Amino acid sequence: MAGRHTIILMQPSQNRSTRTFMDYDSVNHALDGICGLYERKIRNINPMVRNLTYDIGDLYNFIDGLTDISALVYDDSLHAFLPYDRQWIKQKLFQHLKRLAQQ
């Protein structure tokens, strides 16, 4: 899934005008983008903290706090985007961060 075009669809609040999307070249870049969103959020809350630390539970709480989030991942064999839900995103984030931690 590393090289598959991925679109993250997100609605942070109940207000429909907050709907947005983020476009990435791969699933891994999309996962990094979601982590970056969370990191920006906690930097805004704690602007004086130099080194951010958080665990997977914090990231899951952030994702669960969004009104909606899903992913569309391009499948070359189908020539179409396949939809994935919040749980899939959380599972992929766990696997991605675990891989990064082992490097």
PDB file of N, CA and C in Angstrom:
ATOM      1  N   MET A   1       0.802  -1.205   0.000  1.00  0.00           N
ATOM      2  CA  MET A   1       0.000   0.000   0.000  1.00  0.00           C
ATOM      3  C   MET A   1       0.840   1.263   0.000  1.00  0.00           C
ATOM      4  N   ALA A   2       2.147   1.097   0.045  1.00  0.00           N
ATOM      5  CA  ALA A   2       3.024   2.258   0.188  1.00  0.00           C
ATOM      6  C   ALA A   2       2.895   3.227  -0.976  1.00  0.00           C
ATOM      7  N   GLY A   3       2.690   2.753  -2.209  1.00  0.00           N
ATOM      8  CA  GLY A   3       2.678   3.646  -3.343  1.00  0.00           C
ATOM      9  C   GLY A   3       1.305   3.929  -3.914  1.00  0.00           C
ATOM     10  N   ARG A   4       0.253   3.768  -3.108  1.00  0.00           N
ATOM     11  CA  ARG A   4      -1.107   3.913  -3.614  1.00  0.00           C
ATOM     12  C   ARG A   4      -1.693   5.279  -3.276  1.00  0.00           C
ATOM     13  N   HIS A   5      -2.129   5.975  -4.295  1.00  0.00           N
ATOM     14  CA  HIS A   5      -2.741   7.292  -4.123  1.00  0.00           C
ATOM     15  C   HIS A   5      -3.848   7.198  -3.072  1.00  0.00           C
ATOM     16  N   THR A   6      -3.820   8.119  -2.091  1.00  0.00           N
ATOM     17  CA  THR A   6      -4.754   8.070  -0.972  1.00  0.00           C
ATOM     18  C   THR A   6      -5.340   9.443  -0.717  1.00  0.00           C
ATOM     19  N   ILE A   7      -6.642   9.476  -0.522  1.00  0.00           N
ATOM     20  CA  ILE A   7      -7.348  10.700  -0.182  1.00  0.00           C
ATOM     21  C   ILE A   7      -7.990  10.496   1.195  1.00  0.00           C
ATOM     22  N   ILE A   8      -7.711  11.403   2.109  1.00  0.00           N
ATOM     23  CA  ILE A   8      -8.336  11.374   3.431  1.00  0.00           C
ATOM     24  C   ILE A   8      -9.495  12.367   3.410  1.00  0.00           C
ATOM     25  N   LEU A   9     -10.682  11.882   3.718  1.00  0.00           N
ATOM     26  CA  LEU A   9     -11.869  12.723   3.825  1.00  0.00           C
ATOM     27  C   LEU A   9     -12.135  12.934   5.315  1.00  0.00           C
ATOM     28  N   MET A  10     -12.330  14.189   5.699  1.00  0.00           N
ATOM     29  CA  MET A  10     -12.427  14.469   7.126  1.00  0.00           C
ATOM     30  C   MET A  10     -13.454  15.557   7.393  1.00  0.00           C
ATOM     31  N   GLN A  11     -14.172  15.411   8.498  1.00  0.00           N
ATOM     32  CA  GLN A  11     -15.068  16.448   9.003  1.00  0.00           C
ATOM     33  C   GLN A  11     -14.792  16.574  10.494  1.00  0.00           C
ATOM     34  N   PRO A  12     -14.029  17.611  10.896  1.00  0.00           N
ATOM     35  CA  PRO A  12     -13.633  17.742  12.298  1.00  0.00           C
ATOM     36  C   PRO A  12     -14.787  17.996  13.263  1.00  0.00           C
ATOM     37  N   SER A  13     -15.816  18.720  12.836  1.00  0.00           N
ATOM     38  CA  SER A  13     -16.908  19.057  13.750  1.00  0.00           C
ATOM     39  C   SER A  13     -18.257  18.762  13.106  1.00  0.00           C
ATOM     40  N   GLN A  14     -19.325  18.975  13.861  1.00  0.00           N
ATOM     41  CA  GLN A  14     -20.670  18.739  13.348  1.00  0.00           C
ATOM     42  C   GLN A  14     -21.031  19.691  12.202  1.00  0.00           C
ATOM     43  N   ASN A  15     -20.365  20.832  12.157  1.00  0.00           N
ATOM     44  CA  ASN A  15     -20.620  21.824  11.119  1.00  0.00           C
ATOM     45  C   ASN A  15     -20.158  21.272   9.772  1.00  0.00           C
ATOM     46  N   ARG A  16     -21.099  21.142   8.848  1.00  0.00           N
ATOM     47  CA  ARG A  16     -20.772  20.548   7.545  1.00  0.00           C
ATOM     48  C   ARG A  16     -19.746  21.364   6.761  1.00  0.00           C
ATOM     49  N   SER A  17     -19.625  22.636   7.084  1.00  0.00           N
ATOM     50  CA  SER A  17     -18.657  23.473   6.363  1.00  0.00           C
ATOM     51  C   SER A  17     -17.213  23.134   6.738  1.00  0.00           C
ATOM     52  N   THR A  18     -17.009  22.280   7.749  1.00  0.00           N
ATOM     53  CA  THR A  18     -15.645  21.884   8.124  1.00  0.00           C
ATOM     54  C   THR A  18     -15.160  20.671   7.326  1.00  0.00           C
ATOM     55  N   ARG A  19     -15.988  20.163   6.445  1.00  0.00           N
ATOM     56  CA  ARG A  19     -15.559  19.027   5.614  1.00  0.00           C
ATOM     57  C   ARG A  19     -14.370  19.436   4.757  1.00  0.00           C
ATOM     58  N   THR A  20     -13.408  18.528   4.678  1.00  0.00           N
ATOM     59  CA  THR A  20     -12.219  18.803   3.874  1.00  0.00           C
ATOM     60  C   THR A  20     -11.617  17.477   3.412  1.00  0.00           C
ATOM     61  N   PHE A  21     -10.619  17.585   2.564  1.00  0.00           N
ATOM     62  CA  PHE A  21      -9.904  16.386   2.133  1.00  0.00           C
ATOM     63  C   PHE A  21      -8.414  16.707   2.045  1.00  0.00           C
ATOM     64  N   MET A  22      -7.617  15.664   2.136  1.00  0.00           N
ATOM     65  CA  MET A  22      -6.165  15.768   1.995  1.00  0.00           C
ATOM     66  C   MET A  22      -5.741  14.687   1.014  1.00  0.00           C
ATOM     67  N   ASP A  23      -4.894  15.048   0.075  1.00  0.00           N
ATOM     68  CA  ASP A  23      -4.494  14.187  -1.029  1.00  0.00           C
ATOM     69  C   ASP A  23      -3.033  13.787  -0.853  1.00  0.00           C
ATOM     70  N   TYR A  24      -2.745  12.490  -0.900  1.00  0.00           N
ATOM     71  CA  TYR A  24      -1.383  11.986  -0.684  1.00  0.00           C
ATOM     72  C   TYR A  24      -1.000  10.980  -1.765  1.00  0.00           C
ATOM     73  N   ASP A  25       0.298  10.833  -1.969  1.00  0.00           N
ATOM     74  CA  ASP A  25       0.823   9.887  -2.954  1.00  0.00           C
ATOM     75  C   ASP A  25       0.785   8.439  -2.478  1.00  0.00           C
ATOM     76  N   SER A  26       0.658   8.236  -1.168  1.00  0.00           N
ATOM     77  CA  SER A  26       0.677   6.877  -0.635  1.00  0.00           C
ATOM     78  C   SER A  26      -0.091   6.811   0.681  1.00  0.00           C
ATOM     79  N   VAL A  27      -0.402   5.596   1.089  1.00  0.00           N
ATOM     80  CA  VAL A  27      -1.063   5.389   2.380  1.00  0.00           C
ATOM     81  C   VAL A  27      -0.151   5.872   3.502  1.00  0.00           C
ATOM     82  N   ASN A  28       1.138   5.559   3.422  1.00  0.00           N
ATOM     83  CA  ASN A  28       2.067   5.970   4.477  1.00  0.00           C
ATOM     84  C   ASN A  28       2.139   7.495   4.609  1.00  0.00           C
ATOM     85  N   HIS A  29       2.142   8.198   3.489  1.00  0.00           N
ATOM     86  CA  HIS A  29       2.145   9.661   3.549  1.00  0.00           C
ATOM     87  C   HIS A  29       0.849  10.176   4.167  1.00  0.00           C
ATOM     88  N   ALA A  30      -0.250   9.522   3.864  1.00  0.00           N
ATOM     89  CA  ALA A  30      -1.538   9.911   4.454  1.00  0.00           C
ATOM     90  C   ALA A  30      -1.522   9.710   5.965  1.00  0.00           C
ATOM     91  N   LEU A  31      -0.945   8.598   6.409  1.00  0.00           N
ATOM     92  CA  LEU A  31      -0.852   8.332   7.843  1.00  0.00           C
ATOM     93  C   LEU A  31       0.039   9.363   8.523  1.00  0.00           C
ATOM     94  N   ASP A  32       1.145   9.709   7.887  1.00  0.00           N
ATOM     95  CA  ASP A  32       2.000  10.778   8.421  1.00  0.00           C
ATOM     96  C   ASP A  32       1.235  12.098   8.484  1.00  0.00           C
ATOM     97  N   GLY A  33       0.394  12.344   7.484  1.00  0.00           N
ATOM     98  CA  GLY A  33      -0.405  13.566   7.456  1.00  0.00           C
ATOM     99  C   GLY A  33      -1.392  13.631   8.607  1.00  0.00           C
ATOM    100  N   ILE A  34      -2.014  12.505   8.941  1.00  0.00           N
ATOM    101  CA  ILE A  34      -2.943  12.460  10.069  1.00  0.00           C
ATOM    102  C   ILE A  34      -2.192  12.710  11.372  1.00  0.00           C
ATOM    103  N   CYS A  35      -1.027  12.103  11.514  1.00  0.00           N
ATOM    104  CA  CYS A  35      -0.204  12.361  12.709  1.00  0.00           C
ATOM    105  C   CYS A  35       0.163  13.837  12.783  1.00  0.00           C
ATOM    106  N   GLY A  36       0.495  14.426  11.638  1.00  0.00           N
ATOM    107  CA  GLY A  36       0.842  15.847  11.594  1.00  0.00           C
ATOM    108  C   GLY A  36      -0.318  16.735  12.020  1.00  0.00           C
ATOM    109  N   LEU A  37      -1.533  16.376  11.620  1.00  0.00           N
ATOM    110  CA  LEU A  37      -2.716  17.132  12.056  1.00  0.00           C
ATOM    111  C   LEU A  37      -2.838  17.111  13.571  1.00  0.00           C
ATOM    112  N   TYR A  38      -2.666  15.927  14.147  1.00  0.00           N
ATOM    113  CA  TYR A  38      -2.756  15.804  15.601  1.00  0.00           C
ATOM    114  C   TYR A  38      -1.645  16.596  16.286  1.00  0.00           C
ATOM    115  N   GLU A  39      -0.440  16.504  15.757  1.00  0.00           N
ATOM    116  CA  GLU A  39       0.681  17.236  16.344  1.00  0.00           C
ATOM    117  C   GLU A  39       0.457  18.746  16.276  1.00  0.00           C
ATOM    118  N   ARG A  40      -0.093  19.239  15.178  1.00  0.00           N
ATOM    119  CA  ARG A  40      -0.411  20.672  15.082  1.00  0.00           C
ATOM    120  C   ARG A  40      -1.456  21.070  16.110  1.00  0.00           C
ATOM    121  N   LYS A  41      -2.424  20.187  16.309  1.00  0.00           N
ATOM    122  CA  LYS A  41      -3.468  20.474  17.299  1.00  0.00           C
ATOM    123  C   LYS A  41      -2.867  20.593  18.698  1.00  0.00           C
ATOM    124  N   ILE A  42      -2.009  19.656  19.075  1.00  0.00           N
ATOM    125  CA  ILE A  42      -1.457  19.732  20.434  1.00  0.00           C
ATOM    126  C   ILE A  42      -0.424  20.857  20.560  1.00  0.00           C
ATOM    127  N   ARG A  43       0.230  21.223  19.473  1.00  0.00           N
ATOM    128  CA  ARG A  43       1.124  22.395  19.507  1.00  0.00           C
ATOM    129  C   ARG A  43       0.320  23.677  19.727  1.00  0.00           C
ATOM    130  N   ASN A  44      -0.854  23.759  19.109  1.00  0.00           N
ATOM    131  CA  ASN A  44      -1.706  24.930  19.304  1.00  0.00           C
ATOM    132  C   ASN A  44      -2.206  25.021  20.743  1.00  0.00           C
ATOM    133  N   ILE A  45      -2.472  23.883  21.348  1.00  0.00           N
ATOM    134  CA  ILE A  45      -2.940  23.850  22.733  1.00  0.00           C
ATOM    135  C   ILE A  45      -1.788  24.146  23.694  1.00  0.00           C
ATOM    136  N   ASN A  46      -0.589  23.647  23.383  1.00  0.00           N
ATOM    137  CA  ASN A  46       0.593  23.793  24.244  1.00  0.00           C
ATOM    138  C   ASN A  46       1.744  24.410  23.459  1.00  0.00           C
ATOM    139  N   PRO A  47       1.658  25.701  23.122  1.00  0.00           N
ATOM    140  CA  PRO A  47       2.672  26.290  22.236  1.00  0.00           C
ATOM    141  C   PRO A  47       4.075  26.364  22.854  1.00  0.00           C
ATOM    142  N   MET A  48       4.198  26.274  24.164  1.00  0.00           N
ATOM    143  CA  MET A  48       5.509  26.396  24.808  1.00  0.00           C
ATOM    144  C   MET A  48       6.258  25.062  24.899  1.00  0.00           C
ATOM    145  N   VAL A  49       5.592  23.965  24.613  1.00  0.00           N
ATOM    146  CA  VAL A  49       6.227  22.644  24.701  1.00  0.00           C
ATOM    147  C   VAL A  49       7.103  22.431  23.473  1.00  0.00           C
ATOM    148  N   ARG A  50       8.388  22.165  23.713  1.00  0.00           N
ATOM    149  CA  ARG A  50       9.333  21.983  22.608  1.00  0.00           C
ATOM    150  C   ARG A  50       9.240  20.593  21.992  1.00  0.00           C
ATOM    151  N   ASN A  51       9.204  19.573  22.831  1.00  0.00           N
ATOM    152  CA  ASN A  51       9.161  18.195  22.343  1.00  0.00           C
ATOM    153  C   ASN A  51       7.801  17.582  22.651  1.00  0.00           C
ATOM    154  N   LEU A  52       7.085  17.239  21.606  1.00  0.00           N
ATOM    155  CA  LEU A  52       5.777  16.627  21.783  1.00  0.00           C
ATOM    156  C   LEU A  52       5.927  15.132  22.010  1.00  0.00           C
ATOM    157  N   THR A  53       5.172  14.630  22.941  1.00  0.00           N
ATOM    158  CA  THR A  53       5.099  13.184  23.138  1.00  0.00           C
ATOM    159  C   THR A  53       3.633  12.798  23.257  1.00  0.00           C
ATOM    160  N   TYR A  54       3.296  11.699  22.643  1.00  0.00           N
ATOM    161  CA  TYR A  54       1.942  11.169  22.735  1.00  0.00           C
ATOM    162  C   TYR A  54       1.995   9.687  22.437  1.00  0.00           C
ATOM    163  N   ASP A  55       0.948   8.994  22.837  1.00  0.00           N
ATOM    164  CA  ASP A  55       0.908   7.567  22.542  1.00  0.00           C
ATOM    165  C   ASP A  55      -0.250   7.275  21.595  1.00  0.00           C
ATOM    166  N   ILE A  56      -0.365   6.034  21.218  1.00  0.00           N
ATOM    167  CA  ILE A  56      -1.371   5.648  20.232  1.00  0.00           C
ATOM    168  C   ILE A  56      -2.774   5.929  20.749  1.00  0.00           C
ATOM    169  N   GLY A  57      -2.978   5.822  22.058  1.00  0.00           N
ATOM    170  CA  GLY A  57      -4.285   6.115  22.644  1.00  0.00           C
ATOM    171  C   GLY A  57      -4.685   7.568  22.430  1.00  0.00           C
ATOM    172  N   ASP A  58      -3.711   8.476  22.568  1.00  0.00           N
ATOM    173  CA  ASP A  58      -3.986   9.896  22.326  1.00  0.00           C
ATOM    174  C   ASP A  58      -4.391  10.122  20.872  1.00  0.00           C
ATOM    175  N   LEU A  59      -3.680   9.473  19.978  1.00  0.00           N
ATOM    176  CA  LEU A  59      -3.978   9.610  18.551  1.00  0.00           C
ATOM    177  C   LEU A  59      -5.356   9.025  18.225  1.00  0.00           C
ATOM    178  N   TYR A  60      -5.669   7.879  18.820  1.00  0.00           N
ATOM    179  CA  TYR A  60      -6.992   7.279  18.634  1.00  0.00           C
ATOM    180  C   TYR A  60      -8.088   8.209  19.145  1.00  0.00           C
ATOM    181  N   ASN A  61      -7.868   8.839  20.306  1.00  0.00           N
ATOM    182  CA  ASN A  61      -8.863   9.770  20.854  1.00  0.00           C
ATOM    183  C   ASN A  61      -9.081  10.946  19.910  1.00  0.00           C
ATOM    184  N   PHE A  62      -8.006  11.432  19.307  1.00  0.00           N
ATOM    185  CA  PHE A  62      -8.117  12.514  18.325  1.00  0.00           C
ATOM    186  C   PHE A  62      -8.989  12.069  17.149  1.00  0.00           C
ATOM    187  N   ILE A  63      -8.702  10.890  16.627  1.00  0.00           N
ATOM    188  CA  ILE A  63      -9.450  10.373  15.483  1.00  0.00           C
ATOM    189  C   ILE A  63     -10.915  10.143  15.856  1.00  0.00           C
ATOM    190  N   ASP A  64     -11.147   9.580  17.037  1.00  0.00           N
ATOM    191  CA  ASP A  64     -12.521   9.332  17.481  1.00  0.00           C
ATOM    192  C   ASP A  64     -13.273  10.627  17.765  1.00  0.00           C
ATOM    193  N   GLY A  65     -12.543  11.701  18.054  1.00  0.00           N
ATOM    194  CA  GLY A  65     -13.164  12.990  18.309  1.00  0.00           C
ATOM    195  C   GLY A  65     -13.601  13.718  17.053  1.00  0.00           C
ATOM    196  N   LEU A  66     -13.149  13.258  15.900  1.00  0.00           N
ATOM    197  CA  LEU A  66     -13.576  13.852  14.631  1.00  0.00           C
ATOM    198  C   LEU A  66     -14.989  13.375  14.314  1.00  0.00           C
ATOM    199  N   THR A  67     -15.807  14.245  13.773  1.00  0.00           N
ATOM    200  CA  THR A  67     -17.157  13.835  13.393  1.00  0.00           C
ATOM    201  C   THR A  67     -17.090  12.719  12.362  1.00  0.00           C
ATOM    202  N   ASP A  68     -16.182  12.837  11.404  1.00  0.00           N
ATOM    203  CA  ASP A  68     -16.046  11.793  10.390  1.00  0.00           C
ATOM    204  C   ASP A  68     -14.642  11.807   9.819  1.00  0.00           C
ATOM    205  N   ILE A  69     -14.144  10.635   9.522  1.00  0.00           N
ATOM    206  CA  ILE A  69     -12.869  10.488   8.812  1.00  0.00           C
ATOM    207  C   ILE A  69     -12.924   9.168   8.051  1.00  0.00           C
ATOM    208  N   SER A  70     -12.437   9.186   6.830  1.00  0.00           N
ATOM    209  CA  SER A  70     -12.354   7.978   6.020  1.00  0.00           C
ATOM    210  C   SER A  70     -11.237   8.150   5.007  1.00  0.00           C
ATOM    211  N   ALA A  71     -10.894   7.063   4.367  1.00  0.00           N
ATOM    212  CA  ALA A  71      -9.823   7.086   3.373  1.00  0.00           C
ATOM    213  C   ALA A  71     -10.325   6.474   2.070  1.00  0.00           C
ATOM    214  N   LEU A  72      -9.861   7.038   0.981  1.00  0.00           N
ATOM    215  CA  LEU A  72     -10.070   6.453  -0.337  1.00  0.00           C
ATOM    216  C   LEU A  72      -8.690   6.085  -0.875  1.00  0.00           C
ATOM    217  N   VAL A  73      -8.486   4.811  -1.147  1.00  0.00           N
ATOM    218  CA  VAL A  73      -7.175   4.317  -1.589  1.00  0.00           C
ATOM    219  C   VAL A  73      -7.326   3.731  -2.993  1.00  0.00           C
ATOM    220  N   TYR A  74      -6.493   4.224  -3.888  1.00  0.00           N
ATOM    221  CA  TYR A  74      -6.584   3.791  -5.290  1.00  0.00           C
ATOM    222  C   TYR A  74      -6.091   2.361  -5.449  1.00  0.00           C
ATOM    223  N   ASP A  75      -6.869   1.574  -6.148  1.00  0.00           N
ATOM    224  CA  ASP A  75      -6.517   0.190  -6.462  1.00  0.00           C
ATOM    225  C   ASP A  75      -6.258   0.108  -7.960  1.00  0.00           C
ATOM    226  N   ASP A  76      -5.008  -0.128  -8.331  1.00  0.00           N
ATOM    227  CA  ASP A  76      -4.629  -0.190  -9.744  1.00  0.00           C
ATOM    228  C   ASP A  76      -5.374  -1.273 -10.511  1.00  0.00           C
ATOM    229  N   SER A  77      -5.617  -2.402  -9.875  1.00  0.00           N
ATOM    230  CA  SER A  77      -6.261  -3.504 -10.588  1.00  0.00           C
ATOM    231  C   SER A  77      -7.720  -3.195 -10.925  1.00  0.00           C
ATOM    232  N   LEU A  78      -8.365  -2.372 -10.109  1.00  0.00           N
ATOM    233  CA  LEU A  78      -9.761  -2.005 -10.348  1.00  0.00           C
ATOM    234  C   LEU A  78      -9.909  -0.666 -11.065  1.00  0.00           C
ATOM    235  N   HIS A  79      -8.816   0.090 -11.087  1.00  0.00           N
ATOM    236  CA  HIS A  79      -8.854   1.453 -11.623  1.00  0.00           C
ATOM    237  C   HIS A  79      -9.926   2.275 -10.914  1.00  0.00           C
ATOM    238  N   ALA A  80      -9.942   2.134  -9.580  1.00  0.00           N
ATOM    239  CA  ALA A  80     -10.947   2.827  -8.768  1.00  0.00           C
ATOM    240  C   ALA A  80     -10.411   3.027  -7.356  1.00  0.00           C
ATOM    241  N   PHE A  81     -11.020   3.955  -6.641  1.00  0.00           N
ATOM    242  CA  PHE A  81     -10.690   4.173  -5.240  1.00  0.00           C
ATOM    243  C   PHE A  81     -11.565   3.275  -4.371  1.00  0.00           C
ATOM    244  N   LEU A  82     -10.948   2.633  -3.387  1.00  0.00           N
ATOM    245  CA  LEU A  82     -11.684   1.808  -2.435  1.00  0.00           C
ATOM    246  C   LEU A  82     -11.827   2.580  -1.131  1.00  0.00           C
ATOM    247  N   PRO A  83     -13.018   2.565  -0.522  1.00  0.00           N
ATOM    248  CA  PRO A  83     -13.233   3.310   0.720  1.00  0.00           C
ATOM    249  C   PRO A  83     -12.832   2.499   1.950  1.00  0.00           C
ATOM    250  N   TYR A  84     -12.277   3.194   2.937  1.00  0.00           N
ATOM    251  CA  TYR A  84     -11.919   2.578   4.207  1.00  0.00           C
ATOM    252  C   TYR A  84     -12.388   3.480   5.335  1.00  0.00           C
ATOM    253  N   ASP A  85     -12.789   2.870   6.439  1.00  0.00           N
ATOM    254  CA  ASP A  85     -13.386   3.621   7.542  1.00  0.00           C
ATOM    255  C   ASP A  85     -12.378   3.995   8.633  1.00  0.00           C
ATOM    256  N   ARG A  86     -12.901   4.605   9.665  1.00  0.00           N
ATOM    257  CA  ARG A  86     -12.121   5.076  10.816  1.00  0.00           C
ATOM    258  C   ARG A  86     -11.302   3.942  11.444  1.00  0.00           C
ATOM    259  N   GLN A  87     -11.926   2.777  11.618  1.00  0.00           N
ATOM    260  CA  GLN A  87     -11.226   1.647  12.249  1.00  0.00           C
ATOM    261  C   GLN A  87     -10.030   1.206  11.407  1.00  0.00           C
ATOM    262  N   TRP A  88     -10.194   1.176  10.106  1.00  0.00           N
ATOM    263  CA  TRP A  88      -9.088   0.815   9.209  1.00  0.00           C
ATOM    264  C   TRP A  88      -7.951   1.817   9.357  1.00  0.00           C
ATOM    265  N   ILE A  89      -8.293   3.101   9.403  1.00  0.00           N
ATOM    266  CA  ILE A  89      -7.270   4.146   9.558  1.00  0.00           C
ATOM    267  C   ILE A  89      -6.516   3.939  10.872  1.00  0.00           C
ATOM    268  N   LYS A  90      -7.242   3.665  11.950  1.00  0.00           N
ATOM    269  CA  LYS A  90      -6.593   3.456  13.252  1.00  0.00           C
ATOM    270  C   LYS A  90      -5.686   2.225  13.215  1.00  0.00           C
ATOM    271  N   GLN A  91      -6.133   1.162  12.572  1.00  0.00           N
ATOM    272  CA  GLN A  91      -5.321  -0.056  12.448  1.00  0.00           C
ATOM    273  C   GLN A  91      -4.044   0.229  11.657  1.00  0.00           C
ATOM    274  N   LYS A  92      -4.192   0.933  10.538  1.00  0.00           N
ATOM    275  CA  LYS A  92      -3.031   1.254   9.706  1.00  0.00           C
ATOM    276  C   LYS A  92      -2.079   2.196  10.440  1.00  0.00           C
ATOM    277  N   LEU A  93      -2.613   3.147  11.207  1.00  0.00           N
ATOM    278  CA  LEU A  93      -1.757   4.050  11.993  1.00  0.00           C
ATOM    279  C   LEU A  93      -0.930   3.253  12.993  1.00  0.00           C
ATOM    280  N   PHE A  94      -1.560   2.308  13.680  1.00  0.00           N
ATOM    281  CA  PHE A  94      -0.836   1.487  14.648  1.00  0.00           C
ATOM    282  C   PHE A  94       0.304   0.738  13.967  1.00  0.00           C
ATOM    283  N   GLN A  95       0.007   0.090  12.841  1.00  0.00           N
ATOM    284  CA  GLN A  95       1.036  -0.669  12.122  1.00  0.00           C
ATOM    285  C   GLN A  95       2.147   0.258  11.628  1.00  0.00           C
ATOM    286  N   HIS A  96       1.772   1.419  11.120  1.00  0.00           N
ATOM    287  CA  HIS A  96       2.740   2.381  10.589  1.00  0.00           C
ATOM    288  C   HIS A  96       3.668   2.891  11.695  1.00  0.00           C
ATOM    289  N   LEU A  97       3.095   3.286  12.820  1.00  0.00           N
ATOM    290  CA  LEU A  97       3.912   3.818  13.918  1.00  0.00           C
ATOM    291  C   LEU A  97       4.776   2.732  14.547  1.00  0.00           C
ATOM    292  N   LYS A  98       4.260   1.513  14.598  1.00  0.00           N
ATOM    293  CA  LYS A  98       5.046   0.394  15.108  1.00  0.00           C
ATOM    294  C   LYS A  98       6.274   0.156  14.236  1.00  0.00           C
ATOM    295  N   ARG A  99       6.057   0.206  12.914  1.00  0.00           N
ATOM    296  CA  ARG A  99       7.172   0.047  11.967  1.00  0.00           C
ATOM    297  C   ARG A  99       8.222   1.145  12.159  1.00  0.00           C
ATOM    298  N   LEU A 100       7.732   2.385  12.308  1.00  0.00           N
ATOM    299  CA  LEU A 100       8.657   3.511  12.490  1.00  0.00           C
ATOM    300  C   LEU A 100       9.447   3.376  13.796  1.00  0.00           C
ATOM    301  N   ALA A 101       8.790   2.901  14.831  1.00  0.00           N
ATOM    302  CA  ALA A 101       9.456   2.752  16.135  1.00  0.00           C
ATOM    303  C   ALA A 101      10.536   1.665  16.095  1.00  0.00           C
ATOM    304  N   GLN A 102      10.374   0.695  15.236  1.00  0.00           N
ATOM    305  CA  GLN A 102      11.340  -0.409  15.151  1.00  0.00           C
ATOM    306  C   GLN A 102      12.551  -0.071  14.301  1.00  0.00           C
ATOM    307  N   GLN A 103      12.509   1.060  13.595  1.00  0.00           N
ATOM    308  CA  GLN A 103      13.637   1.436  12.728  1.00  0.00           C
ATOM    309  C   GLN A 103      14.740   2.061  13.539  1.00  0.00           C
TER     310      GLN A 103
END
